[in-house]
Amino acid sequence: MIPPSKPFASSHSPAHEHSNMGEHTHMGGAGMADDMHSVDEGQRELMRMAYEAQVFQQQQRLMQQELSMLDNGIRELNMTLGALESLDKAKKETLFSIGGGAFVKSRDFERGAVILNVGAGVLVEKGREEAILLVKKRIDNAKVAVQKLSAEFGSVGQKLRALEERAQLLQQQMQP
């Protein structure tokens, strides 16, 4: 055990020294106290960096989920587009998928009318050509959203890598 010598001398204000009671106030020399103080500061900085890394990782997880939903939506829209484009080839009797491997048979299919969901549960009747244009526009909008989100995902990834590099450097500096 190192015997206590004179109190830790620092450039901190007396109020700051008082708030750090028990933290290096009676150490065996100013150099050792400075080293321990910088280790404590380094530990706090590493903890802050770890928290920030967790936030970035959570952002990336949420972005990945959103990208997955957008990709699924684009796939569904492309299937819808294909179906709309093939309607003019429909025979007098047509099967329409209602999901889960179930179909509805229609005998009186009117080639000109398509019912579209325009949001908030609102359905509107559109002509086939107008419906095709609306679906294409939705696909384009979804692709733009994917591009923007992918760029943001990459930016967060770069920030995370830079943070990890700074944390490694700090850990190396803290090692005796």
Protein backbone atom coordinates (compact mmCIF):
# COMPACT_ATOMS: atom_id res chain seq x y z
CA MET A 1 0.00 0.00 0.00
CA ILE A 2 1.28 3.43 -0.93
CA PRO A 3 1.21 5.86 1.96
CA PRO A 4 -0.82 8.98 1.29
CA SER A 5 1.19 12.08 0.57
CA LYS A 6 0.03 15.56 -0.23
CA PRO A 7 -3.43 15.94 -1.77
CA PHE A 8 -3.81 15.60 -5.53
CA ALA A 9 -2.88 18.89 -7.15
CA SER A 10 -4.75 19.70 -10.29
CA SER A 11 -6.02 22.55 -12.34
CA HIS A 12 -9.59 21.59 -11.42
CA SER A 13 -11.67 24.09 -9.52
CA PRO A 14 -12.17 23.44 -5.81
CA ALA A 15 -15.81 22.66 -6.51
CA HIS A 16 -14.77 19.98 -8.99
CA GLU A 17 -12.26 18.50 -6.53
CA HIS A 18 -14.97 18.39 -3.88
CA SER A 19 -17.34 16.56 -6.25
CA ASN A 20 -14.64 13.95 -6.85
CA MET A 21 -14.17 13.08 -3.19
CA GLY A 22 -12.86 9.57 -3.01
CA GLU A 23 -11.56 9.84 -6.60
CA HIS A 24 -7.78 10.25 -6.41
CA THR A 25 -7.70 12.92 -3.73
CA HIS A 26 -4.89 11.23 -1.81
CA MET A 27 -2.67 9.34 -4.19
CA GLY A 28 1.04 8.70 -4.14
CA GLY A 29 1.93 11.44 -6.61
CA ALA A 30 0.45 13.79 -9.14
CA GLY A 31 1.70 11.75 -12.13
CA MET A 32 -0.04 8.58 -10.94
CA ALA A 33 -3.19 10.53 -10.18
CA ASP A 34 -3.16 12.07 -13.65
CA ASP A 35 -2.75 8.62 -15.19
CA MET A 36 -5.65 7.23 -13.15
CA HIS A 37 -7.78 10.27 -13.96
CA SER A 38 -7.13 9.80 -17.69
CA VAL A 39 -7.99 6.08 -17.37
CA ASP A 40 -11.31 7.02 -15.74
CA GLU A 41 -11.94 9.56 -18.52
CA GLY A 42 -10.96 6.92 -21.07
CA GLN A 43 -13.34 4.39 -19.51
CA ARG A 44 -16.17 6.93 -19.60
CA GLU A 45 -15.38 7.70 -23.24
CA LEU A 46 -15.35 3.98 -24.09
CA MET A 47 -18.72 3.55 -22.38
CA ARG A 48 -20.11 6.50 -24.35
CA MET A 49 -18.75 5.00 -27.56
CA ALA A 50 -20.25 1.60 -26.74
CA TYR A 51 -23.65 3.22 -26.22
CA GLU A 52 -23.33 5.15 -29.49
CA ALA A 53 -22.37 1.92 -31.29
CA GLN A 54 -25.49 0.23 -29.91
CA VAL A 55 -27.62 3.11 -31.23
CA PHE A 56 -26.03 2.80 -34.69
CA GLN A 57 -26.55 -0.97 -34.68
CA GLN A 58 -30.20 -0.55 -33.71
CA GLN A 59 -30.66 2.00 -36.51
CA GLN A 60 -29.17 -0.48 -38.97
CA ARG A 61 -31.47 -3.28 -37.75
CA LEU A 62 -34.53 -1.04 -38.23
CA MET A 63 -33.32 0.06 -41.67
CA GLN A 64 -32.74 -3.57 -42.65
CA GLN A 65 -36.31 -4.42 -41.64
CA GLU A 66 -37.64 -1.49 -43.65
CA LEU A 67 -35.52 -2.49 -46.67
CA SER A 68 -36.92 -6.01 -46.42
CA MET A 69 -40.50 -4.68 -46.32
CA LEU A 70 -39.80 -2.44 -49.32
CA ASP A 71 -38.31 -5.36 -51.27
CA ASN A 72 -41.37 -7.49 -50.49
CA GLY A 73 -43.63 -4.63 -51.57
CA ILE A 74 -41.75 -4.23 -54.86
CA ARG A 75 -42.05 -7.97 -55.51
CA GLU A 76 -45.79 -7.83 -54.86
CA LEU A 77 -46.20 -4.74 -57.05
CA ASN A 78 -44.30 -6.45 -59.88
CA MET A 79 -46.65 -9.44 -59.63
CA THR A 80 -49.63 -7.06 -59.71
CA LEU A 81 -48.16 -5.30 -62.74
CA GLY A 82 -47.69 -8.62 -64.52
CA ALA A 83 -51.27 -9.59 -63.79
CA LEU A 84 -52.61 -6.23 -64.98
CA GLU A 85 -50.59 -6.41 -68.18
CA SER A 86 -51.88 -9.90 -68.93
CA LEU A 87 -55.56 -9.04 -68.38
CA ASP A 88 -56.10 -8.32 -72.04
CA LYS A 89 -55.22 -11.96 -72.72
CA ALA A 90 -57.82 -13.21 -70.23
CA LYS A 91 -60.30 -15.76 -71.47
CA LYS A 92 -64.00 -15.63 -70.82
CA GLU A 93 -63.44 -17.56 -67.61
CA THR A 94 -60.57 -16.38 -65.41
CA LEU A 95 -59.17 -17.48 -62.05
CA PHE A 96 -58.14 -14.81 -59.57
CA SER A 97 -55.90 -15.65 -56.63
CA ILE A 98 -57.24 -14.54 -53.28
CA GLY A 99 -54.15 -15.78 -51.39
CA GLY A 100 -53.25 -18.95 -49.57
CA GLY A 101 -53.57 -21.02 -52.73
CA ALA A 102 -57.27 -20.14 -53.09
CA PHE A 103 -58.78 -18.79 -56.33
CA VAL A 104 -62.06 -17.23 -57.40
CA LYS A 105 -63.47 -18.08 -60.81
CA SER A 106 -64.87 -15.17 -62.77
CA ARG A 107 -66.96 -15.58 -65.92
CA ASP A 108 -67.96 -12.01 -66.54
CA PHE A 109 -64.63 -10.28 -66.31
CA GLU A 110 -64.81 -6.70 -67.50
CA ARG A 111 -61.35 -6.02 -68.93
CA GLY A 112 -61.58 -2.26 -68.46
CA ALA A 113 -62.19 -2.03 -64.69
CA VAL A 114 -59.63 -2.53 -61.94
CA ILE A 115 -60.25 -1.81 -58.24
CA LEU A 116 -57.18 -0.32 -56.53
CA ASN A 117 -56.44 0.41 -52.90
CA VAL A 118 -55.23 4.02 -52.82
CA GLY A 119 -54.48 4.02 -49.09
CA ALA A 120 -56.32 4.21 -45.78
CA GLY A 121 -58.60 1.39 -46.94
CA VAL A 122 -60.02 3.49 -49.78
CA LEU A 123 -60.71 1.56 -52.98
CA VAL A 124 -61.20 3.24 -56.36
CA GLU A 125 -62.10 1.91 -59.75
CA LYS A 126 -59.61 2.72 -62.51
CA GLY A 127 -59.17 1.70 -66.09
CA ARG A 128 -56.60 -1.02 -66.74
CA GLU A 129 -54.09 1.32 -68.40
CA GLU A 130 -54.40 3.89 -65.59
CA ALA A 131 -54.00 1.12 -63.01
CA ILE A 132 -50.83 -0.06 -64.78
CA LEU A 133 -49.41 3.48 -64.67
CA LEU A 134 -50.24 3.81 -60.96
CA VAL A 135 -48.60 0.49 -60.12
CA LYS A 136 -45.49 1.44 -62.13
CA LYS A 137 -45.34 4.73 -60.24
CA ARG A 138 -45.58 2.87 -56.93
CA ILE A 139 -42.74 0.57 -58.01
CA ASP A 140 -40.59 3.56 -58.98
CA ASN A 141 -41.31 5.31 -55.67
CA ALA A 142 -40.44 2.17 -53.73
CA LYS A 143 -37.16 1.80 -55.66
CA VAL A 144 -36.24 5.42 -54.86
CA ALA A 145 -37.00 4.74 -51.18
CA VAL A 146 -34.76 1.65 -51.30
CA GLN A 147 -31.92 3.69 -52.82
CA LYS A 148 -32.23 6.43 -50.18
CA LEU A 149 -32.48 3.96 -47.32
CA SER A 150 -29.55 1.94 -48.65
CA ALA A 151 -27.42 5.09 -48.79
CA GLU A 152 -28.44 5.97 -45.23
CA PHE A 153 -27.68 2.40 -44.13
CA GLY A 154 -24.20 2.74 -45.64
CA SER A 155 -23.65 6.08 -43.93
CA VAL A 156 -24.57 4.64 -40.54
CA GLY A 157 -22.23 1.72 -41.25
CA GLN A 158 -19.37 4.13 -41.96
CA LYS A 159 -20.07 6.00 -38.72
CA LEU A 160 -20.09 2.73 -36.82
CA ARG A 161 -16.78 1.61 -38.33
CA ALA A 162 -15.18 5.00 -37.55
CA LEU A 163 -16.45 4.77 -33.98
CA GLU A 164 -15.06 1.25 -33.59
CA GLU A 165 -11.67 2.41 -34.90
CA ARG A 166 -11.62 5.32 -32.41
CA ALA A 167 -12.57 2.97 -29.58
CA GLN A 168 -9.75 0.55 -30.49
CA LEU A 169 -7.27 3.43 -30.62
CA LEU A 170 -8.44 4.67 -27.22
CA GLN A 171 -8.13 1.17 -25.73
CA GLN A 172 -4.59 0.90 -27.04
CA GLN A 173 -3.70 4.29 -25.55
CA MET A 174 -5.13 3.24 -22.18
CA GLN A 175 -3.07 0.06 -21.97
CA PRO A 176 -0.02 0.39 -19.68
